[in-house]
Amino acid sequence: MDRRHIQRRSRSDTAYQKKHPKGDPFKFRPVINMEDAWLKGLGIGLYWGEGNKANK
């Protein structure tokens, strides 16, 4: 590895890459189709519409 100038990974990096072979699970995924976009908009609307329940 020293001859080829390859950087060594730590054990935690190796374990993380082994458990998540597709990459970071928290990475933002873009909306692929209109149905997913509609569901995302519906979810955002429900979240915003919840409001503050403290003031009645």
PDB file of N, CA and C in Angstrom:
ATOM      1  N   MET A   1       0.826  -1.181   0.000  1.00  0.00           N
ATOM      2  CA  MET A   1       0.000   0.000   0.000  1.00  0.00           C
ATOM      3  C   MET A   1       0.871   1.246   0.000  1.00  0.00           C
ATOM      4  N   ASP A   2       2.007   1.168   0.665  1.00  0.00           N
ATOM      5  CA  ASP A   2       2.898   2.319   0.669  1.00  0.00           C
ATOM      6  C   ASP A   2       3.496   2.550  -0.714  1.00  0.00           C
ATOM      7  N   ARG A   3       3.797   1.451  -1.427  1.00  0.00           N
ATOM      8  CA  ARG A   3       4.367   1.592  -2.762  1.00  0.00           C
ATOM      9  C   ARG A   3       3.387   2.241  -3.733  1.00  0.00           C
ATOM     10  N   ARG A   4       2.122   1.923  -3.601  1.00  0.00           N
ATOM     11  CA  ARG A   4       1.096   2.424  -4.532  1.00  0.00           C
ATOM     12  C   ARG A   4       0.453   3.728  -4.042  1.00  0.00           C
ATOM     13  N   HIS A   5       0.884   4.208  -2.886  1.00  0.00           N
ATOM     14  CA  HIS A   5       0.360   5.445  -2.284  1.00  0.00           C
ATOM     15  C   HIS A   5      -1.147   5.358  -2.061  1.00  0.00           C
ATOM     16  N   ILE A   6      -1.586   4.230  -1.523  1.00  0.00           N
ATOM     17  CA  ILE A   6      -2.990   4.020  -1.199  1.00  0.00           C
ATOM     18  C   ILE A   6      -3.176   4.327   0.279  1.00  0.00           C
ATOM     19  N   GLN A   7      -4.146   5.185   0.556  1.00  0.00           N
ATOM     20  CA  GLN A   7      -4.389   5.578   1.940  1.00  0.00           C
ATOM     21  C   GLN A   7      -5.132   4.468   2.675  1.00  0.00           C
ATOM     22  N   ARG A   8      -4.730   4.196   3.891  1.00  0.00           N
ATOM     23  CA  ARG A   8      -5.377   3.160   4.696  1.00  0.00           C
ATOM     24  C   ARG A   8      -6.625   3.723   5.354  1.00  0.00           C
ATOM     25  N   ARG A   9      -7.659   2.876   5.488  1.00  0.00           N
ATOM     26  CA  ARG A   9      -8.880   3.268   6.160  1.00  0.00           C
ATOM     27  C   ARG A   9      -8.836   2.801   7.608  1.00  0.00           C
ATOM     28  N   SER A  10      -9.558   3.519   8.438  1.00  0.00           N
ATOM     29  CA  SER A  10      -9.649   3.097   9.833  1.00  0.00           C
ATOM     30  C   SER A  10     -10.640   1.942   9.933  1.00  0.00           C
ATOM     31  N   ARG A  11     -10.663   1.282  11.061  1.00  0.00           N
ATOM     32  CA  ARG A  11     -11.592   0.162  11.250  1.00  0.00           C
ATOM     33  C   ARG A  11     -13.039   0.626  11.214  1.00  0.00           C
ATOM     34  N   SER A  12     -13.295   1.804  11.761  1.00  0.00           N
ATOM     35  CA  SER A  12     -14.673   2.306  11.758  1.00  0.00           C
ATOM     36  C   SER A  12     -15.139   2.630  10.332  1.00  0.00           C
ATOM     37  N   ASP A  13     -14.257   3.204   9.501  1.00  0.00           N
ATOM     38  CA  ASP A  13     -14.625   3.466   8.101  1.00  0.00           C
ATOM     39  C   ASP A  13     -14.889   2.170   7.357  1.00  0.00           C
ATOM     40  N   THR A  14     -14.093   1.161   7.597  1.00  0.00           N
ATOM     41  CA  THR A  14     -14.274  -0.126   6.940  1.00  0.00           C
ATOM     42  C   THR A  14     -15.591  -0.768   7.359  1.00  0.00           C
ATOM     43  N   ALA A  15     -15.900  -0.728   8.650  1.00  0.00           N
ATOM     44  CA  ALA A  15     -17.149  -1.315   9.144  1.00  0.00           C
ATOM     45  C   ALA A  15     -18.355  -0.559   8.599  1.00  0.00           C
ATOM     46  N   TYR A  16     -18.263   0.774   8.521  1.00  0.00           N
ATOM     47  CA  TYR A  16     -19.369   1.572   7.989  1.00  0.00           C
ATOM     48  C   TYR A  16     -19.619   1.232   6.523  1.00  0.00           C
ATOM     49  N   GLN A  17     -18.563   1.118   5.740  1.00  0.00           N
ATOM     50  CA  GLN A  17     -18.722   0.787   4.326  1.00  0.00           C
ATOM     51  C   GLN A  17     -19.224  -0.634   4.132  1.00  0.00           C
ATOM     52  N   LYS A  18     -18.893  -1.527   5.028  1.00  0.00           N
ATOM     53  CA  LYS A  18     -19.378  -2.903   4.928  1.00  0.00           C
ATOM     54  C   LYS A  18     -20.878  -2.975   5.233  1.00  0.00           C
ATOM     55  N   LYS A  19     -21.331  -2.200   6.222  1.00  0.00           N
ATOM     56  CA  LYS A  19     -22.747  -2.219   6.601  1.00  0.00           C
ATOM     57  C   LYS A  19     -23.614  -1.399   5.652  1.00  0.00           C
ATOM     58  N   HIS A  20     -23.034  -0.436   4.938  1.00  0.00           N
ATOM     59  CA  HIS A  20     -23.776   0.424   4.018  1.00  0.00           C
ATOM     60  C   HIS A  20     -23.106   0.387   2.639  1.00  0.00           C
ATOM     61  N   PRO A  21     -23.238  -0.720   1.904  1.00  0.00           N
ATOM     62  CA  PRO A  21     -22.553  -0.828   0.610  1.00  0.00           C
ATOM     63  C   PRO A  21     -23.100   0.116  -0.458  1.00  0.00           C
ATOM     64  N   LYS A  22     -24.341   0.579  -0.314  1.00  0.00           N
ATOM     65  CA  LYS A  22     -24.927   1.483  -1.305  1.00  0.00           C
ATOM     66  C   LYS A  22     -24.587   2.937  -1.040  1.00  0.00           C
ATOM     67  N   GLY A  23     -23.858   3.222   0.010  1.00  0.00           N
ATOM     68  CA  GLY A  23     -23.493   4.592   0.340  1.00  0.00           C
ATOM     69  C   GLY A  23     -24.173   5.059   1.609  1.00  0.00           C
ATOM     70  N   ASP A  24     -24.142   6.353   1.799  1.00  0.00           N
ATOM     71  CA  ASP A  24     -24.693   6.965   3.002  1.00  0.00           C
ATOM     72  C   ASP A  24     -26.219   6.872   2.994  1.00  0.00           C
ATOM     73  N   PRO A  25     -26.831   6.233   4.023  1.00  0.00           N
ATOM     74  CA  PRO A  25     -28.291   6.109   4.029  1.00  0.00           C
ATOM     75  C   PRO A  25     -29.003   7.434   4.310  1.00  0.00           C
ATOM     76  N   PHE A  26     -28.286   8.440   4.802  1.00  0.00           N
ATOM     77  CA  PHE A  26     -28.888   9.726   5.125  1.00  0.00           C
ATOM     78  C   PHE A  26     -28.719  10.743   4.007  1.00  0.00           C
ATOM     79  N   LYS A  27     -28.193  10.323   2.883  1.00  0.00           N
ATOM     80  CA  LYS A  27     -27.987  11.210   1.748  1.00  0.00           C
ATOM     81  C   LYS A  27     -29.334  11.518   1.096  1.00  0.00           C
ATOM     82  N   PHE A  28     -29.520  12.766   0.691  1.00  0.00           N
ATOM     83  CA  PHE A  28     -30.767  13.196   0.054  1.00  0.00           C
ATOM     84  C   PHE A  28     -30.913  12.511  -1.299  1.00  0.00           C
ATOM     85  N   ARG A  29     -32.092  11.926  -1.522  1.00  0.00           N
ATOM     86  CA  ARG A  29     -32.380  11.295  -2.807  1.00  0.00           C
ATOM     87  C   ARG A  29     -33.372  12.167  -3.559  1.00  0.00           C
ATOM     88  N   PRO A  30     -33.081  12.530  -4.792  1.00  0.00           N
ATOM     89  CA  PRO A  30     -34.021  13.375  -5.542  1.00  0.00           C
ATOM     90  C   PRO A  30     -35.308  12.619  -5.874  1.00  0.00           C
ATOM     91  N   VAL A  31     -36.380  13.374  -6.067  1.00  0.00           N
ATOM     92  CA  VAL A  31     -37.675  12.792  -6.411  1.00  0.00           C
ATOM     93  C   VAL A  31     -37.597  12.255  -7.836  1.00  0.00           C
ATOM     94  N   ILE A  32     -38.061  11.016  -8.039  1.00  0.00           N
ATOM     95  CA  ILE A  32     -37.912  10.372  -9.331  1.00  0.00           C
ATOM     96  C   ILE A  32     -39.148  10.551 -10.206  1.00  0.00           C
ATOM     97  N   ASN A  33     -40.337  10.414  -9.653  1.00  0.00           N
ATOM     98  CA  ASN A  33     -41.538  10.516 -10.479  1.00  0.00           C
ATOM     99  C   ASN A  33     -42.563  11.438  -9.823  1.00  0.00           C
ATOM    100  N   MET A  34     -43.636  11.717 -10.538  1.00  0.00           N
ATOM    101  CA  MET A  34     -44.647  12.660 -10.057  1.00  0.00           C
ATOM    102  C   MET A  34     -45.405  12.136  -8.833  1.00  0.00           C
ATOM    103  N   GLU A  35     -45.610  10.841  -8.760  1.00  0.00           N
ATOM    104  CA  GLU A  35     -46.313  10.288  -7.593  1.00  0.00           C
ATOM    105  C   GLU A  35     -45.494  10.505  -6.324  1.00  0.00           C
ATOM    106  N   ASP A  36     -44.183  10.280  -6.392  1.00  0.00           N
ATOM    107  CA  ASP A  36     -43.331  10.530  -5.233  1.00  0.00           C
ATOM    108  C   ASP A  36     -43.314  12.009  -4.870  1.00  0.00           C
ATOM    109  N   ALA A  37     -43.297  12.881  -5.888  1.00  0.00           N
ATOM    110  CA  ALA A  37     -43.315  14.324  -5.634  1.00  0.00           C
ATOM    111  C   ALA A  37     -44.623  14.726  -4.955  1.00  0.00           C
ATOM    112  N   TRP A  38     -45.742  14.143  -5.394  1.00  0.00           N
ATOM    113  CA  TRP A  38     -47.035  14.455  -4.790  1.00  0.00           C
ATOM    114  C   TRP A  38     -47.073  14.001  -3.329  1.00  0.00           C
ATOM    115  N   LEU A  39     -46.569  12.793  -3.063  1.00  0.00           N
ATOM    116  CA  LEU A  39     -46.550  12.285  -1.689  1.00  0.00           C
ATOM    117  C   LEU A  39     -45.642  13.124  -0.798  1.00  0.00           C
ATOM    118  N   LYS A  40     -44.527  13.567  -1.341  1.00  0.00           N
ATOM    119  CA  LYS A  40     -43.623  14.415  -0.564  1.00  0.00           C
ATOM    120  C   LYS A  40     -44.298  15.741  -0.225  1.00  0.00           C
ATOM    121  N   GLY A  41     -44.985  16.333  -1.209  1.00  0.00           N
ATOM    122  CA  GLY A  41     -45.709  17.575  -0.966  1.00  0.00           C
ATOM    123  C   GLY A  41     -46.825  17.396   0.044  1.00  0.00           C
ATOM    124  N   LEU A  42     -47.528  16.280  -0.034  1.00  0.00           N
ATOM    125  CA  LEU A  42     -48.584  15.981   0.931  1.00  0.00           C
ATOM    126  C   LEU A  42     -48.014  15.856   2.338  1.00  0.00           C
ATOM    127  N   GLY A  43     -46.885  15.187   2.474  1.00  0.00           N
ATOM    128  CA  GLY A  43     -46.237  15.045   3.783  1.00  0.00           C
ATOM    129  C   GLY A  43     -45.792  16.374   4.344  1.00  0.00           C
ATOM    130  N   ILE A  44     -45.239  17.238   3.495  1.00  0.00           N
ATOM    131  CA  ILE A  44     -44.811  18.567   3.952  1.00  0.00           C
ATOM    132  C   ILE A  44     -46.019  19.387   4.383  1.00  0.00           C
ATOM    133  N   GLY A  45     -47.120  19.298   3.619  1.00  0.00           N
ATOM    134  CA  GLY A  45     -48.340  20.022   3.976  1.00  0.00           C
ATOM    135  C   GLY A  45     -48.907  19.571   5.306  1.00  0.00           C
ATOM    136  N   LEU A  46     -48.900  18.276   5.547  1.00  0.00           N
ATOM    137  CA  LEU A  46     -49.391  17.763   6.839  1.00  0.00           C
ATOM    138  C   LEU A  46     -48.507  18.218   7.989  1.00  0.00           C
ATOM    139  N   TYR A  47     -47.203  18.258   7.758  1.00  0.00           N
ATOM    140  CA  TYR A  47     -46.271  18.695   8.801  1.00  0.00           C
ATOM    141  C   TYR A  47     -46.504  20.167   9.126  1.00  0.00           C
ATOM    142  N   TRP A  48     -46.608  21.005   8.095  1.00  0.00           N
ATOM    143  CA  TRP A  48     -46.822  22.435   8.316  1.00  0.00           C
ATOM    144  C   TRP A  48     -48.201  22.706   8.902  1.00  0.00           C
ATOM    145  N   GLY A  49     -49.199  21.936   8.518  1.00  0.00           N
ATOM    146  CA  GLY A  49     -50.556  22.162   8.982  1.00  0.00           C
ATOM    147  C   GLY A  49     -50.799  21.749  10.416  1.00  0.00           C
ATOM    148  N   GLU A  50     -49.885  21.006  10.980  1.00  0.00           N
ATOM    149  CA  GLU A  50     -50.039  20.534  12.362  1.00  0.00           C
ATOM    150  C   GLU A  50     -50.145  21.722  13.313  1.00  0.00           C
ATOM    151  N   GLY A  51     -49.308  22.713  13.156  1.00  0.00           N
ATOM    152  CA  GLY A  51     -49.385  23.951  13.951  1.00  0.00           C
ATOM    153  C   GLY A  51     -48.970  23.752  15.388  1.00  0.00           C
ATOM    154  N   ASN A  52     -49.174  24.793  16.142  1.00  0.00           N
ATOM    155  CA  ASN A  52     -48.805  24.832  17.552  1.00  0.00           C
ATOM    156  C   ASN A  52     -50.049  24.554  18.385  1.00  0.00           C
ATOM    157  N   LYS A  53     -50.061  23.523  19.151  1.00  0.00           N
ATOM    158  CA  LYS A  53     -51.228  23.118  19.946  1.00  0.00           C
ATOM    159  C   LYS A  53     -51.250  23.816  21.309  1.00  0.00           C
ATOM    160  N   ALA A  54     -50.208  24.588  21.644  1.00  0.00           N
ATOM    161  CA  ALA A  54     -50.132  25.206  22.964  1.00  0.00           C
ATOM    162  C   ALA A  54     -51.149  26.333  23.109  1.00  0.00           C
ATOM    163  N   ASN A  55     -51.368  27.112  22.041  1.00  0.00           N
ATOM    164  CA  ASN A  55     -52.311  28.248  22.101  1.00  0.00           C
ATOM    165  C   ASN A  55     -53.653  27.792  21.546  1.00  0.00           C
ATOM    166  N   LYS A  56     -54.664  27.746  22.407  1.00  0.00           N
ATOM    167  CA  LYS A  56     -55.983  27.306  21.934  1.00  0.00           C
ATOM    168  C   LYS A  56     -56.898  28.487  21.737  1.00  0.00           C
TER     169      LYS A  56
END
